[in-house]
Protein backbone atom coordinates (compact mmCIF):
# COMPACT_ATOMS: atom_id res chain seq x y z
CA MET A 1 113.23 -136.71 -34.00
CA SER A 2 113.72 -140.22 -32.70
CA SER A 3 115.65 -143.03 -34.32
CA LYS A 4 112.35 -144.86 -35.06
CA TYR A 5 111.16 -141.82 -37.06
CA ASP A 6 114.52 -141.40 -38.84
CA ALA A 7 114.67 -145.05 -39.76
CA LEU A 8 111.07 -144.94 -41.18
CA VAL A 9 111.85 -141.90 -43.29
CA ALA A 10 114.98 -143.47 -44.67
CA ARG A 11 113.08 -146.64 -45.59
CA GLU A 12 110.27 -144.66 -47.25
CA LYS A 13 112.66 -142.64 -49.41
CA LYS A 14 113.95 -145.86 -50.91
CA VAL A 15 110.63 -147.40 -51.94
CA LEU A 16 107.84 -144.76 -52.36
CA PHE A 17 107.34 -142.09 -54.92
CA GLN A 18 108.20 -138.80 -53.28
CA THR A 19 104.92 -137.07 -54.14
CA TYR A 20 104.04 -135.71 -50.69
CA GLY A 21 105.46 -132.79 -48.76
CA ARG A 22 104.96 -134.60 -45.46
CA TYR A 23 104.93 -132.99 -42.01
CA PRO A 24 107.72 -134.40 -39.79
CA LEU A 25 105.44 -136.80 -37.91
CA ALA A 26 104.72 -140.54 -38.09
CA PHE A 27 101.71 -142.02 -36.36
CA GLU A 28 101.12 -145.55 -35.21
CA LYS A 29 97.75 -145.37 -33.50
CA ALA A 30 94.64 -143.24 -33.52
CA GLN A 31 91.62 -143.18 -31.16
CA GLY A 32 88.81 -140.63 -31.08
CA ALA A 33 90.51 -137.22 -31.57
CA ARG A 34 93.93 -138.48 -30.46
CA LEU A 35 96.93 -139.53 -32.56
CA THR A 36 99.93 -141.43 -31.08
CA ASP A 37 103.39 -141.22 -32.75
CA LEU A 38 106.05 -143.88 -32.94
CA ASP A 39 107.47 -142.83 -29.56
CA GLY A 40 104.16 -142.84 -27.78
CA LYS A 41 103.66 -139.06 -27.77
CA GLU A 42 99.93 -138.05 -28.04
CA TYR A 43 98.56 -135.32 -30.24
CA VAL A 44 95.13 -133.65 -30.52
CA ASP A 45 93.94 -134.31 -34.02
CA LEU A 46 92.45 -131.18 -35.63
CA LEU A 47 92.76 -132.54 -39.15
CA ALA A 48 90.92 -135.91 -39.04
CA GLY A 49 92.80 -137.24 -42.08
CA ILE A 50 91.68 -134.11 -43.95
CA ALA A 51 88.02 -134.15 -43.05
CA VAL A 52 87.76 -137.90 -43.17
CA ALA A 53 87.38 -139.28 -39.62
CA ASN A 54 84.31 -137.16 -38.87
CA LEU A 55 83.12 -139.77 -36.27
CA GLY A 56 86.59 -140.02 -34.79
CA HIS A 57 89.34 -142.63 -35.23
CA SER A 58 88.66 -146.25 -34.43
CA ASN A 59 84.99 -145.58 -33.78
CA PRO A 60 83.81 -148.87 -32.02
CA GLU A 61 80.44 -149.03 -33.73
CA LEU A 62 82.05 -148.73 -37.12
CA LEU A 63 84.77 -151.30 -36.28
CA ALA A 64 82.02 -153.80 -35.24
CA VAL A 65 80.12 -153.28 -38.53
CA MET A 66 83.35 -153.67 -40.51
CA ALA A 67 84.31 -156.89 -38.88
CA GLU A 68 80.82 -158.34 -39.18
CA GLN A 69 80.41 -157.45 -42.80
CA ALA A 70 83.93 -158.70 -43.72
CA LYS A 71 82.94 -162.14 -42.51
CA GLU A 72 79.83 -162.17 -44.76
CA LEU A 73 80.81 -160.52 -48.04
CA LEU A 74 83.87 -158.45 -48.98
CA HIS A 75 83.66 -158.04 -52.80
CA ILE A 76 81.65 -159.56 -55.67
CA SER A 77 81.81 -156.65 -58.19
CA ASN A 78 78.98 -154.53 -59.60
CA LEU A 79 77.83 -157.31 -61.93
CA PHE A 80 75.53 -158.37 -59.11
CA TYR A 81 72.91 -156.76 -56.87
CA GLN A 82 74.23 -155.91 -53.42
CA PRO A 83 71.95 -155.36 -50.44
CA ARG A 84 74.36 -153.22 -48.43
CA GLN A 85 74.81 -150.89 -51.40
CA VAL A 86 71.04 -150.39 -51.78
CA GLU A 87 70.56 -149.83 -48.02
CA LEU A 88 73.27 -147.14 -48.04
CA ALA A 89 71.76 -145.41 -51.10
CA GLU A 90 68.35 -145.37 -49.45
CA LEU A 91 69.82 -143.79 -46.31
CA LEU A 92 71.82 -141.18 -48.20
CA LEU A 93 68.81 -140.08 -50.14
CA THR A 94 66.96 -139.29 -46.95
CA THR A 95 69.52 -136.59 -46.19
CA CYS A 96 69.05 -134.58 -49.43
CA ALA A 97 66.84 -133.71 -52.35
CA CYS A 98 68.45 -136.07 -54.91
CA ASP A 99 66.98 -139.34 -56.32
CA ARG A 100 69.89 -141.54 -57.50
CA VAL A 101 73.36 -142.54 -56.23
CA PHE A 102 76.46 -143.79 -58.05
CA PHE A 103 79.18 -145.25 -55.76
CA CYS A 104 82.88 -145.08 -56.44
CA ASN A 105 86.11 -145.03 -54.46
CA SER A 106 87.25 -141.37 -53.97
CA GLY A 107 86.33 -137.75 -54.35
CA ALA A 108 88.24 -137.35 -57.61
CA GLU A 109 86.28 -140.35 -59.07
CA ALA A 110 82.97 -138.86 -57.86
CA ASN A 111 83.83 -135.54 -59.53
CA GLU A 112 85.01 -137.31 -62.66
CA ALA A 113 81.66 -139.15 -62.74
CA ALA A 114 79.81 -135.85 -62.37
CA ILE A 115 81.74 -134.31 -65.28
CA LYS A 116 81.07 -137.38 -67.48
CA LEU A 117 77.40 -137.38 -66.44
CA ALA A 118 76.89 -133.70 -67.24
CA ARG A 119 78.41 -134.07 -70.74
CA ARG A 120 76.59 -137.24 -71.51
CA TYR A 121 73.28 -135.97 -70.19
CA MET A 122 73.48 -132.90 -72.41
CA ARG A 123 74.30 -134.88 -75.56
CA THR A 124 72.18 -138.03 -75.15
CA VAL A 125 69.19 -136.78 -73.18
CA ARG A 126 68.95 -133.06 -74.04
CA TYR A 127 70.44 -133.57 -77.56
CA LYS A 128 72.53 -130.44 -77.01
CA ASP A 129 76.16 -130.01 -78.07
CA ALA A 130 77.30 -128.74 -74.65
CA GLY A 131 80.46 -130.09 -72.97
CA GLU A 132 82.03 -127.17 -71.17
CA ILE A 133 82.51 -127.35 -67.40
CA ILE A 134 82.90 -124.02 -65.47
CA THR A 135 84.66 -123.91 -62.08
CA LEU A 136 85.96 -121.21 -59.76
CA SER A 137 89.40 -119.92 -59.10
CA GLY A 138 90.93 -121.40 -55.97
CA SER A 139 88.92 -124.60 -56.29
CA PHE A 140 90.16 -128.13 -55.90
CA HIS A 141 88.33 -131.04 -57.49
CA GLY A 142 90.86 -133.86 -57.70
CA ARG A 143 93.95 -135.31 -59.32
CA THR A 144 92.68 -137.17 -62.37
CA LEU A 145 93.33 -135.38 -65.60
CA ALA A 146 89.77 -134.08 -65.86
CA THR A 147 89.36 -133.07 -62.21
CA LEU A 148 92.89 -131.62 -62.28
CA THR A 149 91.86 -129.42 -65.17
CA ALA A 150 88.66 -128.47 -63.40
CA THR A 151 90.70 -127.36 -60.37
CA GLY A 152 91.03 -123.58 -60.33
CA GLN A 153 94.61 -123.48 -59.24
CA GLY A 154 97.83 -123.32 -61.20
CA GLY A 155 101.47 -123.88 -60.24
CA ARG A 156 102.87 -127.33 -59.60
CA ILE A 157 99.40 -128.93 -59.37
CA LYS A 158 99.10 -128.75 -63.21
CA GLU A 159 102.67 -128.26 -64.25
CA GLY A 160 104.01 -130.93 -66.64
CA PHE A 161 100.64 -132.59 -67.28
CA GLU A 162 99.84 -130.78 -70.50
CA PRO A 163 97.95 -131.14 -72.78
CA LEU A 164 95.05 -130.99 -70.39
CA PRO A 165 91.56 -131.94 -71.46
CA ALA A 166 89.56 -129.32 -73.35
CA ASP A 167 86.34 -127.47 -72.50
CA PHE A 168 87.10 -126.43 -68.94
CA THR A 169 86.80 -122.78 -67.95
CA THR A 170 87.73 -121.12 -64.64
CA VAL A 171 86.08 -117.90 -63.52
CA PRO A 172 87.04 -115.61 -60.52
CA PHE A 173 85.76 -116.76 -57.12
CA GLY A 174 82.62 -114.91 -56.09
CA ASP A 175 82.30 -112.77 -59.23
CA ILE A 176 78.72 -113.35 -60.35
CA GLU A 177 79.06 -111.25 -63.50
CA ALA A 178 82.11 -113.20 -64.63
CA LEU A 179 80.15 -116.37 -64.15
CA ARG A 180 77.12 -115.04 -66.03
CA ALA A 181 79.33 -113.97 -69.00
CA ALA A 182 81.06 -117.41 -69.02
CA VAL A 183 77.85 -119.50 -69.24
CA THR A 184 76.82 -120.10 -72.87
CA GLN A 185 74.93 -122.67 -74.89
CA LYS A 186 78.10 -124.76 -74.88
CA THR A 187 78.08 -125.00 -71.10
CA ALA A 188 77.17 -128.45 -69.66
CA ALA A 189 77.60 -127.60 -65.98
CA VAL A 190 78.91 -125.23 -63.41
CA LEU A 191 80.80 -127.03 -60.60
CA MET A 192 81.68 -125.35 -57.27
CA GLU A 193 82.46 -125.95 -53.66
CA MET A 194 80.28 -124.15 -51.08
CA VAL A 195 83.44 -123.71 -49.00
CA GLN A 196 86.78 -124.02 -50.66
CA GLY A 197 88.91 -126.20 -48.43
CA GLU A 198 92.22 -126.50 -50.24
CA GLY A 199 91.72 -122.89 -51.30
CA GLY A 200 92.09 -121.80 -47.69
CA VAL A 201 88.63 -122.31 -46.11
CA LEU A 202 86.73 -119.77 -48.22
CA PRO A 203 82.92 -119.86 -47.97
CA LEU A 204 80.97 -118.58 -50.98
CA PRO A 205 78.56 -115.72 -50.27
CA GLU A 206 74.90 -116.96 -50.06
CA ALA A 207 73.62 -114.48 -52.64
CA TYR A 208 76.33 -115.65 -55.08
CA VAL A 209 75.40 -119.30 -54.79
CA GLN A 210 71.65 -118.63 -55.16
CA GLU A 211 72.22 -116.47 -58.25
CA ALA A 212 74.66 -118.96 -59.72
CA ALA A 213 72.00 -121.69 -59.42
CA GLU A 214 69.46 -119.40 -61.11
CA ILE A 215 71.96 -118.60 -63.97
CA CYS A 216 72.31 -122.37 -64.52
CA ARG A 217 68.54 -122.88 -64.60
CA GLU A 218 68.02 -120.00 -67.09
CA ALA A 219 70.77 -121.28 -69.31
CA GLY A 220 69.65 -124.88 -69.16
CA CYS A 221 72.99 -126.19 -67.81
CA LEU A 222 73.55 -128.25 -64.64
CA PHE A 223 74.32 -126.74 -61.23
CA MET A 224 76.77 -129.14 -59.54
CA VAL A 225 78.29 -128.99 -56.05
CA ASP A 226 81.50 -130.59 -54.84
CA GLU A 227 80.74 -131.79 -51.31
CA VAL A 228 83.79 -134.06 -51.02
CA GLN A 229 85.24 -132.12 -48.08
CA THR A 230 82.16 -130.07 -46.93
CA GLY A 231 79.68 -132.94 -46.76
CA MET A 232 78.74 -135.42 -44.02
CA CYS A 233 77.86 -132.80 -41.40
CA ARG A 234 81.19 -131.01 -41.55
CA THR A 235 79.79 -127.51 -41.89
CA GLY A 236 76.89 -127.77 -39.44
CA LYS A 237 74.35 -129.24 -41.87
CA PHE A 238 74.41 -132.64 -43.46
CA TRP A 239 75.41 -131.04 -46.76
CA ALA A 240 76.99 -127.59 -47.12
CA HIS A 241 74.64 -126.58 -49.93
CA GLN A 242 71.76 -126.83 -47.45
CA HIS A 243 73.06 -123.59 -45.82
CA TYR A 244 72.35 -121.81 -49.09
CA GLY A 245 68.79 -122.88 -49.85
CA VAL A 246 69.67 -124.48 -53.18
CA GLU A 247 69.14 -127.91 -54.64
CA PRO A 248 72.03 -128.99 -56.99
CA ASP A 249 71.24 -131.20 -59.97
CA VAL A 250 74.32 -133.21 -59.04
CA PHE A 251 76.54 -133.24 -56.02
CA THR A 252 79.51 -135.41 -54.92
CA THR A 253 80.86 -136.62 -51.65
CA SER A 254 83.70 -138.89 -50.36
CA LYS A 255 86.23 -138.30 -47.52
CA ALA A 256 83.99 -138.86 -44.45
CA LEU A 257 81.47 -141.09 -46.21
CA ALA A 258 82.98 -144.31 -44.78
CA ASN A 259 85.03 -142.59 -42.06
CA GLY A 260 88.40 -143.66 -43.40
CA LEU A 261 87.67 -146.46 -45.82
CA PRO A 262 88.04 -145.35 -49.45
CA MET A 263 84.59 -144.52 -50.82
CA GLY A 264 82.96 -141.78 -52.91
CA ALA A 265 79.47 -141.10 -54.22
CA MET A 266 77.72 -138.94 -56.80
CA LEU A 267 74.14 -138.06 -56.14
CA ALA A 268 71.79 -136.68 -58.78
CA LYS A 269 68.26 -135.74 -59.58
CA GLU A 270 66.22 -138.36 -61.43
CA TYR A 271 66.15 -136.49 -64.76
CA VAL A 272 69.96 -136.09 -64.79
CA SER A 273 70.55 -139.76 -63.91
CA LYS A 274 69.12 -140.66 -67.32
CA GLY A 275 72.46 -139.54 -68.78
CA PHE A 276 73.95 -142.85 -67.66
CA VAL A 277 72.78 -146.17 -68.97
CA PRO A 278 74.25 -149.65 -68.58
CA GLY A 279 77.83 -149.60 -69.88
CA SER A 280 78.30 -145.85 -69.85
CA HIS A 281 80.11 -145.64 -66.57
CA ALA A 282 81.33 -148.18 -64.04
CA THR A 283 83.81 -149.10 -61.32
CA THR A 284 85.16 -152.38 -60.02
CA PHE A 285 85.23 -151.65 -56.29
CA GLY A 286 82.72 -148.83 -55.83
CA GLY A 287 80.02 -149.62 -53.21
CA GLY A 288 81.44 -152.94 -52.08
CA GLY A 289 79.98 -154.74 -49.09
CA VAL A 290 82.29 -153.58 -46.35
CA VAL A 291 82.48 -149.91 -47.34
CA SER A 292 78.79 -149.68 -47.93
CA ALA A 293 77.93 -151.29 -44.57
CA VAL A 294 80.29 -148.96 -42.73
CA ALA A 295 79.06 -145.89 -44.61
CA ALA A 296 75.46 -146.81 -43.83
CA LYS A 297 76.36 -146.96 -40.13
CA VAL A 298 78.02 -143.55 -40.48
CA VAL A 299 74.84 -142.03 -41.81
CA GLN A 300 72.77 -143.67 -39.15
CA ILE A 301 75.04 -142.37 -36.37
CA MET A 302 75.15 -138.90 -37.80
CA LYS A 303 71.38 -138.74 -37.95
CA ARG A 304 70.83 -140.40 -34.63
CA ASP A 305 73.32 -138.22 -32.70
CA ASP A 306 72.65 -134.94 -34.58
CA ILE A 307 76.33 -134.72 -35.53
CA ALA A 308 75.51 -131.76 -37.79
CA GLY A 309 74.15 -129.82 -34.88
CA ARG A 310 77.18 -130.76 -32.80
CA ALA A 311 79.50 -129.44 -35.61
CA ARG A 312 77.45 -126.23 -35.75
CA ASP A 313 77.61 -125.62 -32.01
CA LEU A 314 81.26 -126.55 -31.58
CA GLY A 315 82.20 -124.51 -34.65
CA GLN A 316 80.57 -121.45 -33.18
CA LEU A 317 82.37 -122.01 -29.85
CA ALA A 318 85.69 -122.49 -31.62
CA VAL A 319 85.34 -119.47 -33.96
CA GLU A 320 84.46 -117.25 -30.95
CA ALA A 321 87.58 -118.48 -29.10
CA PHE A 322 89.79 -118.02 -32.18
CA ARG A 323 88.46 -114.53 -32.81
CA LYS A 324 89.34 -113.55 -29.24
CA VAL A 325 92.91 -114.70 -29.90
CA ALA A 326 92.89 -112.76 -33.17
CA ALA A 327 91.73 -109.59 -31.31
CA LYS A 328 94.70 -110.00 -28.99
CA HIS A 329 97.12 -110.37 -31.93
CA PRO A 330 95.78 -108.23 -34.78
CA GLN A 331 99.26 -108.01 -36.31
CA ARG A 332 99.51 -111.82 -36.62
CA ILE A 333 95.95 -112.95 -37.40
CA SER A 334 93.98 -111.18 -40.07
CA GLY A 335 90.81 -113.17 -39.79
CA VAL A 336 88.91 -116.35 -38.88
CA ARG A 337 86.42 -117.87 -41.37
CA GLY A 338 84.54 -121.03 -42.09
CA LEU A 339 81.34 -122.98 -41.45
CA GLY A 340 80.78 -125.47 -38.67
CA LEU A 341 83.98 -127.37 -37.89
CA MET A 342 85.66 -126.35 -41.18
CA ILE A 343 87.67 -123.36 -39.99
CA GLY A 344 90.54 -121.28 -41.32
CA ILE A 345 92.65 -119.01 -39.10
CA VAL A 346 94.21 -116.59 -41.57
CA LEU A 347 97.71 -115.42 -40.57
CA SER A 348 99.08 -112.10 -41.65
CA GLY A 349 102.37 -113.64 -42.90
CA PRO A 350 104.09 -116.96 -43.40
CA GLY A 351 102.84 -119.51 -40.85
CA ALA A 352 105.43 -122.29 -40.91
CA GLU A 353 106.98 -121.45 -37.55
CA ILE A 354 103.58 -121.14 -35.85
CA HIS A 355 102.46 -124.45 -37.40
CA ALA A 356 105.65 -126.12 -36.16
CA ALA A 357 105.20 -124.69 -32.67
CA LEU A 358 101.70 -126.01 -32.53
CA ARG A 359 102.96 -129.49 -33.48
CA GLU A 360 105.54 -129.29 -30.73
CA ARG A 361 102.74 -128.63 -28.25
CA GLY A 362 100.82 -131.60 -29.47
CA PHE A 363 98.33 -130.17 -32.01
CA VAL A 364 97.90 -131.43 -35.51
CA CYS A 365 96.32 -129.18 -38.09
CA ASN A 366 96.96 -128.23 -41.69
CA LEU A 367 98.76 -125.15 -43.05
CA ALA A 368 97.13 -124.10 -46.35
CA HIS A 369 98.93 -121.90 -48.81
CA GLY A 370 101.51 -121.18 -46.11
CA THR A 371 99.30 -118.68 -44.29
CA VAL A 372 96.02 -120.39 -43.26
CA LEU A 373 95.83 -122.77 -40.27
CA ARG A 374 93.08 -125.11 -41.52
CA LEU A 375 91.14 -127.00 -38.88
CA LEU A 376 89.03 -130.05 -39.82
CA PRO A 377 88.74 -131.98 -36.56
CA PRO A 378 86.66 -135.03 -35.90
CA LEU A 379 83.07 -133.83 -35.33
CA THR A 380 83.09 -135.78 -32.08
CA ILE A 381 85.98 -133.85 -30.62
CA GLY A 382 85.56 -132.29 -27.19
CA ALA A 383 85.15 -128.56 -26.67
CA GLU A 384 88.04 -128.61 -24.26
CA ASP A 385 90.40 -129.64 -27.10
CA LEU A 386 89.38 -126.73 -29.29
CA LEU A 387 89.79 -124.30 -26.40
CA ALA A 388 93.18 -125.82 -25.57
CA PHE A 389 94.28 -125.21 -29.15
CA ALA A 390 93.12 -121.57 -28.87
CA ALA A 391 95.08 -121.19 -25.65
CA ALA A 392 98.22 -122.70 -27.19
CA LEU A 393 98.01 -120.42 -30.25
CA ASP A 394 97.57 -117.37 -27.99
CA ASP A 395 100.57 -118.42 -25.96
CA ILE A 396 102.75 -119.01 -29.03
CA LEU A 397 101.89 -115.63 -30.44
CA SER A 398 102.41 -113.93 -27.08
CA THR A 399 105.81 -115.60 -26.66
CA ASP A 400 106.83 -114.51 -30.15
CA LYS A 401 105.80 -110.96 -29.32
CA GLN A 402 107.84 -111.01 -26.12
CA ASN A 403 110.85 -112.39 -27.87
CA ALA A 404 110.56 -109.77 -30.64
CA SER A 405 110.54 -106.96 -28.06
């Protein structure tokens, strides 16, 4: 690494909490699907800030809206009506089957709002003593105490934070009978991701999702979907639940909503929205002028340019290319899975060396659970970049094989 990099790392270690297991890279610039490090080396970005920059870095249309809105109104708080916030809500509601929107600042806050809404709706609208939230093993819903508890993972993610909030239950991923047995009169909601991102890019089976939604309807509890990572065209439809033919009572989004500015949203059916009344939930910064204006432009561009269709087509191309590489290296790659441009290349063993070799060749992606190369590129990325990654991975595995022999 360069002296610039070493100096930055040394400075950081003196002043920041050491909460991140960072990759050994430091970036100074980003444009489209390209990242530039401190020494001017360029990388193909196949992570997009973890499914955030869906329209690419430094998108000129979004930069123009950001600058224009910042001159007019930055922040006034939610004590006042805000035109940009209303415009964004109206646009978002044209993409789904919900009726109301609550804006916040992150995915964790959106999921926290959904959990609070489910409990309050049951108790103040349905007059039912039901507060349990059921989630799936392998899920990830955030880092607040409630969303951390909802997350279906153990280990360091929960270690040391006990006592965790009560009335959260985790059932095995994809096991419909386990879910059926877990839902009781005390259940307020079932919350799930259509594709588990942090869990290693695991799509739920269509039949499971449809039956889960039916179980919730029969039991009178809410069916809620976490679209924080899967939403905003990532999977080839505007919302991942649209692949499954279901309409959640509540769903959440964040990450790509404002293409890099911190923003989250909870969307709900009209009847569920009655669980919140003035004073029951709030946020200082949620839905401010700049983030709302940028997010509205994001939605407009995505609809105008059929970004969902682009993600679908590029995803199919990429998966086909990656499966060809997997067929050449069956001892090293056990599978390729995902939806749209949310793709996991499942390695047969520890992937740290492969991940490092890809970085050396100028490709940035994520390594999930030590064995899954997780790809979440900008949805505007060129097909040639995805094919170049496939070629680089093939070459790395072929070189390893030659060295081993």
